[in-house]
């Protein structure tokens, strides 16, 4: 898994015009752009960890992969897909027949219905920058065609292909990246290699806050740190963010945060209650509920990450098991299954108790049967045998309970 850090060349608009976002911030805060980039990079990783997001294998920085970008641009120039102009090097979109296949924005449609700012240096209005010349830019590198800095699109292609190869399986991003960014990535990558760039594209829909676009002017702009400061944990926010299918708009509300907190507590309370189950006799309804939940959860996640159905499978299982009378063995199976689910969800914070070995559980069952038969000598002998194995049996009104001696 690769997550690019575009610390140069990302303009204030998604087009090739405007200023570099890093340069704007550097001027505003009177710092060098590298310091700005490292500051927000560190802040980003704090949020990643707070949300329990597993780290990617690589976090390549654009500023550390300039040679790869230059090599890719050289290839495009050599093949005739790119050209040098007075203000930079551009990709000629008319040379790539597949332009528009991701977004549906073919050149015919773009030319017919849209207006763009005219750059006299471009051959075509929708040609995009691979390299920009700007003597005033704070970050510049030498290249065969002139000193400058890379465009946003070329950065992502060069870095992703370095670490994942010329064709890779999944590319994710926000829906606002479909055009022009991802469309341009496809064009320049496939033009350079002659191979399919990405097999599957996953685009996340926009986040809304109380049904509106998140905006500072509306007073509904929140960062991860803002939510944490209000007393919510990162795992509660994680639950909210993952609970809506990625191809649907997520409407963030504080009521939703409270509901997420309650949902997590319900799952954790279920795990805790299963740790105290003492029954010796299996209930067929429990095995059926666990089997169904595992099947439904996997099928839901395999169906384009249908998270709502996956969560529903968990809560249906919890209801079914709570209605039944699980044995201690079945309760431990339920706990193991919940932890398997949480390998995906990443929201539980229940200390996993040491799993009781099957040998000990069998002795507990035999002792329970001996007590029912009033064979107290055998029952006492088994209790001692269990104690030597490091476990203590407690007799409760609901049946025997076994726990490690260290408890």
Protein backbone atom coordinates (compact mmCIF):
# COMPACT_ATOMS: atom_id res chain seq x y z
CA UNK A 1 0.00 0.00 0.00
CA UNK A 2 1.28 3.42 -0.98
CA UNK A 3 0.01 6.85 0.10
CA UNK A 4 1.63 9.74 -1.74
CA UNK A 5 2.60 12.96 0.01
CA UNK A 6 2.36 15.72 -2.60
CA UNK A 7 4.60 18.28 -0.94
CA UNK A 8 5.14 20.32 -4.11
CA UNK A 9 3.21 21.14 -7.28
CA UNK A 10 -0.35 20.92 -5.93
CA UNK A 11 -1.91 24.13 -7.14
CA UNK A 12 -4.61 26.14 -5.38
CA UNK A 13 -7.02 24.91 -8.05
CA UNK A 14 -7.22 21.46 -9.60
CA UNK A 15 -6.10 23.01 -12.88
CA UNK A 16 -2.55 24.08 -13.72
CA UNK A 17 -3.16 27.68 -12.74
CA UNK A 18 -2.79 29.49 -9.43
CA UNK A 19 -0.08 29.09 -6.81
CA UNK A 20 1.38 26.00 -5.23
CA UNK A 21 -0.50 25.31 -1.97
CA UNK A 22 2.76 24.74 -0.08
CA UNK A 23 4.15 28.00 -1.36
CA UNK A 24 1.00 29.89 -0.34
CA UNK A 25 1.24 28.48 3.20
CA UNK A 26 4.97 29.17 3.38
CA UNK A 27 4.46 32.83 2.48
CA UNK A 28 1.53 33.17 4.87
CA UNK A 29 3.40 31.67 7.82
CA UNK A 30 6.80 33.03 6.80
CA UNK A 31 8.44 29.62 6.85
CA UNK A 32 10.16 27.56 4.21
CA UNK A 33 7.82 25.16 2.36
CA UNK A 34 9.67 22.07 3.59
CA UNK A 35 8.97 23.03 7.21
CA UNK A 36 5.31 23.59 6.37
CA UNK A 37 5.10 20.20 4.66
CA UNK A 38 6.75 18.33 7.55
CA UNK A 39 4.50 20.07 10.10
CA UNK A 40 1.27 19.03 8.40
CA UNK A 41 2.68 15.62 7.60
CA UNK A 42 3.30 15.01 11.31
CA UNK A 43 -0.19 16.29 12.14
CA UNK A 44 -1.65 13.94 9.55
CA UNK A 45 0.09 10.93 11.08
CA UNK A 46 -1.23 11.91 14.51
CA UNK A 47 -4.74 11.74 13.06
CA UNK A 48 -4.01 8.44 11.32
CA UNK A 49 -2.92 6.89 14.62
CA UNK A 50 -5.85 8.39 16.54
CA UNK A 51 -8.24 6.78 14.06
CA UNK A 52 -6.42 3.44 14.33
CA UNK A 53 -5.68 3.43 10.63
CA UNK A 54 -3.05 0.88 9.72
CA UNK A 55 0.02 2.60 8.30
CA UNK A 56 0.70 2.20 4.59
CA UNK A 57 3.87 0.41 3.51
CA UNK A 58 5.22 3.54 1.82
CA UNK A 59 4.62 7.28 2.18
CA UNK A 60 6.70 8.69 -0.68
CA UNK A 61 7.25 12.45 -0.76
CA UNK A 62 7.09 14.16 -4.12
CA UNK A 63 10.17 16.25 -3.31
CA UNK A 64 12.20 13.04 -2.85
CA UNK A 65 11.15 11.48 -6.17
CA UNK A 66 12.02 14.18 -8.70
CA UNK A 67 14.35 11.85 -10.72
CA UNK A 68 11.48 9.39 -11.24
CA UNK A 69 9.23 12.19 -12.46
CA UNK A 70 11.87 13.51 -14.85
CA UNK A 71 12.38 10.01 -16.27
CA UNK A 72 8.63 9.61 -16.83
CA UNK A 73 8.36 13.00 -18.54
CA UNK A 74 11.35 12.16 -20.76
CA UNK A 75 9.57 9.00 -21.86
CA UNK A 76 6.40 10.94 -22.72
CA UNK A 77 8.41 13.51 -24.69
CA UNK A 78 10.22 10.79 -26.59
CA UNK A 79 6.94 9.05 -27.48
CA UNK A 80 5.36 12.28 -28.67
CA UNK A 81 2.71 12.55 -25.95
CA UNK A 82 4.29 15.64 -24.38
CA UNK A 83 5.72 18.91 -25.63
CA UNK A 84 7.76 21.77 -24.27
CA UNK A 85 6.12 25.21 -24.16
CA UNK A 86 7.24 28.61 -22.95
CA UNK A 87 5.96 28.07 -19.40
CA UNK A 88 6.50 24.34 -18.96
CA UNK A 89 6.11 20.84 -20.35
CA UNK A 90 2.56 19.70 -21.17
CA UNK A 91 0.79 16.45 -21.96
CA UNK A 92 -1.10 16.59 -25.27
CA UNK A 93 -4.48 15.06 -24.44
CA UNK A 94 -5.39 14.70 -28.13
CA UNK A 95 -2.61 12.12 -28.53
CA UNK A 96 -4.13 9.74 -25.97
CA UNK A 97 -7.23 8.05 -27.37
CA UNK A 98 -8.54 6.86 -24.03
CA UNK A 99 -8.73 10.28 -22.40
CA UNK A 100 -12.03 10.55 -20.54
CA UNK A 101 -12.65 6.82 -20.05
CA UNK A 102 -12.76 7.10 -16.25
CA UNK A 103 -14.79 10.28 -15.80
CA UNK A 104 -16.77 10.28 -19.04
CA UNK A 105 -15.25 13.68 -19.82
CA UNK A 106 -14.12 12.87 -23.34
CA UNK A 107 -12.50 15.63 -25.36
CA UNK A 108 -15.60 15.86 -27.52
CA UNK A 109 -17.80 16.53 -24.50
CA UNK A 110 -15.32 18.92 -22.93
CA UNK A 111 -14.91 20.97 -26.08
CA UNK A 112 -18.66 21.10 -26.67
CA UNK A 113 -19.87 22.17 -23.24
CA UNK A 114 -17.17 23.71 -21.12
CA UNK A 115 -15.20 26.91 -20.93
CA UNK A 116 -11.68 27.00 -19.59
CA UNK A 117 -9.17 29.76 -19.13
CA UNK A 118 -7.09 30.05 -22.28
CA UNK A 119 -3.37 29.51 -21.88
CA UNK A 120 -1.70 30.58 -25.14
CA UNK A 121 1.24 28.29 -24.42
CA UNK A 122 -0.91 25.15 -24.68
CA UNK A 123 -1.75 23.37 -27.92
CA UNK A 124 -5.14 22.40 -26.51
CA UNK A 125 -7.12 23.94 -23.62
CA UNK A 126 -7.22 20.66 -21.67
CA UNK A 127 -3.54 19.78 -21.97
CA UNK A 128 -2.10 19.50 -18.47
CA UNK A 129 1.25 20.44 -16.99
CA UNK A 130 3.92 17.83 -16.39
CA UNK A 131 6.53 20.42 -15.44
CA UNK A 132 6.22 24.13 -14.74
CA UNK A 133 8.71 26.95 -15.22
CA UNK A 134 8.47 29.69 -12.61
CA UNK A 135 11.61 31.55 -11.50
CA UNK A 136 9.76 32.87 -8.44
CA UNK A 137 8.75 29.43 -7.12
CA UNK A 138 10.38 28.52 -3.80
CA UNK A 139 11.06 24.88 -4.74
CA UNK A 140 12.81 24.15 -8.04
CA UNK A 141 14.91 21.43 -9.62
CA UNK A 142 17.05 21.13 -12.73
CA UNK A 143 15.66 19.10 -15.62
CA UNK A 144 16.77 18.55 -19.26
CA UNK A 145 14.09 20.98 -20.48
CA UNK A 146 14.68 23.67 -17.86
CA UNK A 147 14.64 24.46 -14.17
CA UNK A 148 11.23 24.22 -12.52
CA UNK A 149 8.93 21.95 -10.52
CA UNK A 150 6.65 18.99 -11.31
CA UNK A 151 2.91 19.07 -11.88
CA UNK A 152 0.57 17.38 -9.43
CA UNK A 153 -0.52 14.59 -11.76
CA UNK A 154 2.94 13.36 -12.76
CA UNK A 155 3.96 13.07 -9.11
CA UNK A 156 1.30 10.50 -8.33
CA UNK A 157 1.99 8.36 -11.40
CA UNK A 158 5.75 8.33 -10.88
CA UNK A 159 5.59 7.47 -7.19
CA UNK A 160 2.81 4.87 -7.37
CA UNK A 161 4.46 3.04 -10.27
CA UNK A 162 7.82 3.03 -8.51
CA UNK A 163 6.43 1.14 -5.52
CA UNK A 164 3.53 -0.82 -7.05
CA UNK A 165 4.61 -1.43 -10.64
CA UNK A 166 3.26 -0.19 -13.96
CA UNK A 167 -0.11 -1.88 -13.33
CA UNK A 168 -1.62 -2.26 -9.88
CA UNK A 169 -4.94 -3.38 -8.47
CA UNK A 170 -6.62 -0.61 -6.49
CA UNK A 171 -6.40 3.19 -6.55
CA UNK A 172 -8.49 5.13 -4.03
CA UNK A 173 -9.35 8.78 -3.65
CA UNK A 174 -12.12 11.30 -3.20
CA UNK A 175 -14.79 11.80 -5.85
CA UNK A 176 -13.36 15.25 -6.54
CA UNK A 177 -10.18 13.57 -7.78
CA UNK A 178 -11.86 11.70 -10.63
CA UNK A 179 -11.43 14.64 -12.99
CA UNK A 180 -9.01 15.98 -13.82
CA UNK A 181 -6.49 14.30 -11.52
CA UNK A 182 -7.18 10.60 -11.91
CA UNK A 183 -8.06 11.01 -15.58
CA UNK A 184 -4.69 12.64 -16.13
CA UNK A 185 -2.90 9.95 -14.13
CA UNK A 186 -4.36 7.30 -16.42
CA UNK A 187 -3.45 9.21 -19.57
CA UNK A 188 0.19 9.87 -18.72
CA UNK A 189 0.81 6.45 -17.14
CA UNK A 190 -0.73 4.37 -19.93
CA UNK A 191 0.83 6.57 -22.60
CA UNK A 192 4.25 5.96 -21.05
CA UNK A 193 3.94 2.22 -20.44
CA UNK A 194 1.37 1.01 -22.96
CA UNK A 195 -0.21 -0.99 -20.13
CA UNK A 196 -3.40 -0.60 -18.05
CA UNK A 197 -2.60 1.66 -15.11
CA UNK A 198 -5.16 0.59 -12.48
CA UNK A 199 -7.62 -2.31 -12.39
CA UNK A 200 -10.11 -0.89 -9.87
CA UNK A 201 -10.87 2.70 -8.83
CA UNK A 202 -12.58 3.35 -5.48
CA UNK A 203 -13.84 6.89 -4.99
CA UNK A 204 -15.23 8.14 -1.69
CA UNK A 205 -18.20 10.53 -1.74
CA UNK A 206 -18.11 13.92 -0.05
CA UNK A 207 -18.49 14.36 3.70
CA UNK A 208 -21.43 16.51 4.80
CA UNK A 209 -21.91 18.09 8.23
CA UNK A 210 -25.53 18.34 9.38
CA UNK A 211 -26.56 17.90 5.76
CA UNK A 212 -24.37 20.73 4.47
CA UNK A 213 -20.96 21.00 2.89
CA UNK A 214 -18.27 21.40 5.55
CA UNK A 215 -17.15 25.02 5.47
CA UNK A 216 -15.44 27.45 7.84
CA UNK A 217 -17.89 30.15 6.77
CA UNK A 218 -20.81 27.98 7.94
CA UNK A 219 -19.14 27.27 11.26
CA UNK A 220 -19.31 23.51 10.68
CA UNK A 221 -15.67 22.84 9.85
CA UNK A 222 -14.09 20.21 12.11
CA UNK A 223 -10.73 18.48 12.11
CA UNK A 224 -10.01 15.13 13.75
CA UNK A 225 -8.30 16.98 16.58
CA UNK A 226 -11.39 19.17 17.09
CA UNK A 227 -13.51 16.06 17.63
CA UNK A 228 -10.98 14.56 20.04
CA UNK A 229 -10.92 17.80 22.05
CA UNK A 230 -14.69 17.51 22.49
CA UNK A 231 -14.16 14.27 24.43
CA UNK A 232 -14.82 11.69 21.73
CA UNK A 233 -12.28 8.95 21.19
CA UNK A 234 -10.62 8.26 17.86
CA UNK A 235 -12.33 4.88 17.65
CA UNK A 236 -15.77 6.50 18.00
CA UNK A 237 -14.95 8.85 15.12
CA UNK A 238 -13.56 5.89 13.19
CA UNK A 239 -16.87 4.06 13.63
CA UNK A 240 -18.79 7.07 12.29
CA UNK A 241 -16.52 7.47 9.28
CA UNK A 242 -16.64 3.81 8.31
CA UNK A 243 -20.32 3.16 9.00
CA UNK A 244 -21.54 4.67 5.73
CA UNK A 245 -20.73 3.01 2.40
CA UNK A 246 -17.88 4.79 0.68
CA UNK A 247 -20.01 5.49 -2.42
CA UNK A 248 -22.63 7.33 -0.36
CA UNK A 249 -22.38 10.77 1.20
CA UNK A 250 -21.59 10.57 4.91
CA UNK A 251 -23.64 13.05 6.91
CA UNK A 252 -21.62 13.80 10.03
CA UNK A 253 -23.53 14.85 13.15
CA UNK A 254 -22.74 14.86 16.84
CA UNK A 255 -25.83 12.70 17.36
CA UNK A 256 -24.12 10.22 15.06
CA UNK A 257 -21.03 10.30 17.26
CA UNK A 258 -23.14 9.54 20.32
CA UNK A 259 -24.84 6.67 18.49
CA UNK A 260 -21.44 5.30 17.46
CA UNK A 261 -20.25 5.44 21.06
CA UNK A 262 -23.33 3.48 22.15
CA UNK A 263 -22.81 0.91 19.39
CA UNK A 264 -19.21 0.30 20.42
CA UNK A 265 -20.22 -0.02 24.07
CA UNK A 266 -22.84 -2.56 23.09
CA UNK A 267 -20.24 -4.69 21.32
CA UNK A 268 -17.78 -4.38 24.20
CA UNK A 269 -20.42 -5.24 26.79
CA UNK A 270 -21.26 -8.33 24.78
CA UNK A 271 -17.62 -9.45 24.85
CA UNK A 272 -17.40 -8.79 28.59
CA UNK A 273 -20.60 -10.72 29.25
CA UNK A 274 -19.28 -13.67 27.25
CA UNK A 275 -16.14 -13.73 29.39
CA UNK A 276 -18.31 -14.47 32.43
CA UNK A 277 -20.46 -17.21 30.87
CA UNK A 278 -20.26 -20.37 32.94
CA UNK A 279 -22.66 -22.82 31.31
CA UNK A 280 -21.49 -26.31 30.45
CA UNK A 281 -24.19 -27.32 27.96
CA UNK A 282 -24.06 -26.12 24.35
CA UNK A 283 -27.04 -24.34 22.84
CA UNK A 284 -27.44 -25.14 19.11
CA UNK A 285 -28.90 -21.66 18.54
CA UNK A 286 -25.56 -20.11 19.48
CA UNK A 287 -23.54 -22.11 16.95
CA UNK A 288 -26.09 -21.23 14.30
CA UNK A 289 -25.91 -17.52 15.16
CA UNK A 290 -22.10 -17.44 15.10
CA UNK A 291 -21.90 -19.31 11.81
CA UNK A 292 -24.47 -17.04 10.18
CA UNK A 293 -22.79 -13.86 11.44
CA UNK A 294 -19.38 -14.86 10.12
CA UNK A 295 -20.84 -15.79 6.73
CA UNK A 296 -22.92 -12.62 6.45
CA UNK A 297 -20.05 -10.37 7.56
CA UNK A 298 -17.60 -11.79 5.03
CA UNK A 299 -20.14 -11.69 2.21
CA UNK A 300 -21.02 -8.08 3.01
CA UNK A 301 -17.39 -6.93 3.05
CA UNK A 302 -16.71 -8.85 -0.17
CA UNK A 303 -19.66 -7.05 -1.80
CA UNK A 304 -17.90 -3.73 -2.46
CA UNK A 305 -17.28 -3.19 1.28
CA UNK A 306 -20.97 -3.13 2.22
CA UNK A 307 -20.23 -2.03 5.77
CA UNK A 308 -23.84 -1.42 6.85
CA UNK A 309 -24.75 -5.06 6.19
CA UNK A 310 -21.56 -6.21 7.93
CA UNK A 311 -22.40 -4.24 11.07
CA UNK A 312 -25.99 -5.48 10.96
CA UNK A 313 -24.68 -9.07 10.94
CA UNK A 314 -22.75 -8.40 14.16
CA UNK A 315 -25.68 -6.89 16.05
CA UNK A 316 -28.03 -9.63 14.85
CA UNK A 317 -25.58 -12.17 16.27
CA UNK A 318 -25.39 -10.31 19.58
CA UNK A 319 -29.17 -10.35 19.90
CA UNK A 320 -29.38 -14.05 19.04
CA UNK A 321 -26.64 -15.11 21.47
CA UNK A 322 -28.07 -12.98 24.27
CA UNK A 323 -31.43 -14.73 23.83
CA UNK A 324 -29.79 -18.16 23.97
CA UNK A 325 -27.93 -19.99 26.75
CA UNK A 326 -24.36 -20.40 25.49
CA UNK A 327 -21.90 -22.70 27.11
CA UNK A 328 -18.54 -21.42 28.19
CA UNK A 329 -17.00 -23.02 25.12
CA UNK A 330 -19.49 -21.29 22.85
CA UNK A 331 -18.97 -17.98 24.65
CA UNK A 332 -15.27 -18.16 23.93
CA UNK A 333 -16.05 -18.88 20.28
CA UNK A 334 -18.19 -15.74 20.27
CA UNK A 335 -15.36 -13.70 21.78
CA UNK A 336 -12.89 -14.98 19.19
CA UNK A 337 -15.33 -14.10 16.42
CA UNK A 338 -15.81 -10.58 17.78
CA UNK A 339 -12.05 -10.07 17.80
CA UNK A 340 -11.92 -11.32 14.21
CA UNK A 341 -14.55 -8.78 13.25
CA UNK A 342 -12.55 -6.12 15.04
CA UNK A 343 -9.49 -6.89 12.94
CA UNK A 344 -11.53 -5.12 10.25
CA UNK A 345 -13.48 -2.62 12.37
CA UNK A 346 -10.69 -1.59 14.73
CA UNK A 347 -13.01 -0.04 17.34
CA UNK A 348 -13.06 -2.39 20.35
CA UNK A 349 -10.99 -1.70 23.44
CA UNK A 350 -11.74 -4.75 25.55
CA UNK A 351 -8.85 -6.50 27.21
CA UNK A 352 -8.76 -10.00 25.85
CA UNK A 353 -8.70 -12.46 28.74
CA UNK A 354 -6.48 -15.47 28.50
CA UNK A 355 -8.33 -18.14 26.56
CA UNK A 356 -9.19 -21.20 28.64
CA UNK A 357 -7.72 -24.37 27.09
CA UNK A 358 -10.12 -27.01 25.82
CA UNK A 359 -8.61 -29.51 28.28
CA UNK A 360 -9.68 -27.31 31.20
CA UNK A 361 -13.17 -26.73 29.75
CA UNK A 362 -13.66 -30.48 29.41
CA UNK A 363 -12.67 -30.98 33.06
CA UNK A 364 -15.15 -28.26 34.10
CA UNK A 365 -17.92 -30.06 32.19
CA UNK A 366 -17.02 -33.40 33.83
CA UNK A 367 -17.01 -31.80 37.27
CA UNK A 368 -20.39 -30.20 36.59
CA UNK A 369 -21.83 -33.60 35.69
CA UNK A 370 -20.25 -35.15 38.82
CA UNK A 371 -21.86 -32.51 41.04
CA UNK A 372 -25.24 -33.09 39.40
CA UNK A 373 -24.81 -36.80 40.24
CA UNK A 374 -23.82 -35.82 43.82
CA UNK A 375 -20.39 -37.42 43.27
CA UNK A 376 -18.63 -34.79 45.31
CA UNK A 377 -15.40 -36.74 45.72
CA UNK A 378 -14.90 -36.80 41.95
CA UNK A 379 -15.93 -33.15 41.72
CA UNK A 380 -13.35 -32.15 44.35
CA UNK A 381 -10.64 -34.20 42.64
CA UNK A 382 -11.36 -32.50 39.30
CA UNK A 383 -11.32 -29.06 40.96
CA UNK A 384 -7.82 -29.82 42.27
CA UNK A 385 -6.75 -31.09 38.84
CA UNK A 386 -7.95 -27.85 37.27
CA UNK A 387 -6.13 -25.82 39.94
CA UNK A 388 -2.86 -27.57 39.09
CA UNK A 389 -3.40 -26.51 35.48
CA UNK A 390 -3.53 -22.89 36.63
CA UNK A 391 -7.29 -22.28 36.77
CA UNK A 392 -9.88 -21.78 39.48
CA UNK A 393 -13.48 -23.02 39.36
CA UNK A 394 -16.13 -20.88 41.03
CA UNK A 395 -19.64 -22.26 41.53
CA UNK A 396 -22.30 -19.62 40.88
CA UNK A 397 -26.13 -19.73 40.68
CA UNK A 398 -25.77 -19.77 36.87
CA UNK A 399 -23.27 -22.61 36.91
CA UNK A 400 -19.51 -23.02 37.16
CA UNK A 401 -17.17 -20.17 36.20
CA UNK A 402 -13.53 -20.77 35.42
CA UNK A 403 -10.75 -18.19 35.46
CA UNK A 404 -6.96 -18.13 35.62
CA UNK A 405 -5.50 -18.25 39.13
CA UNK A 406 -3.69 -14.98 38.38
CA UNK A 407 -7.09 -13.19 38.34
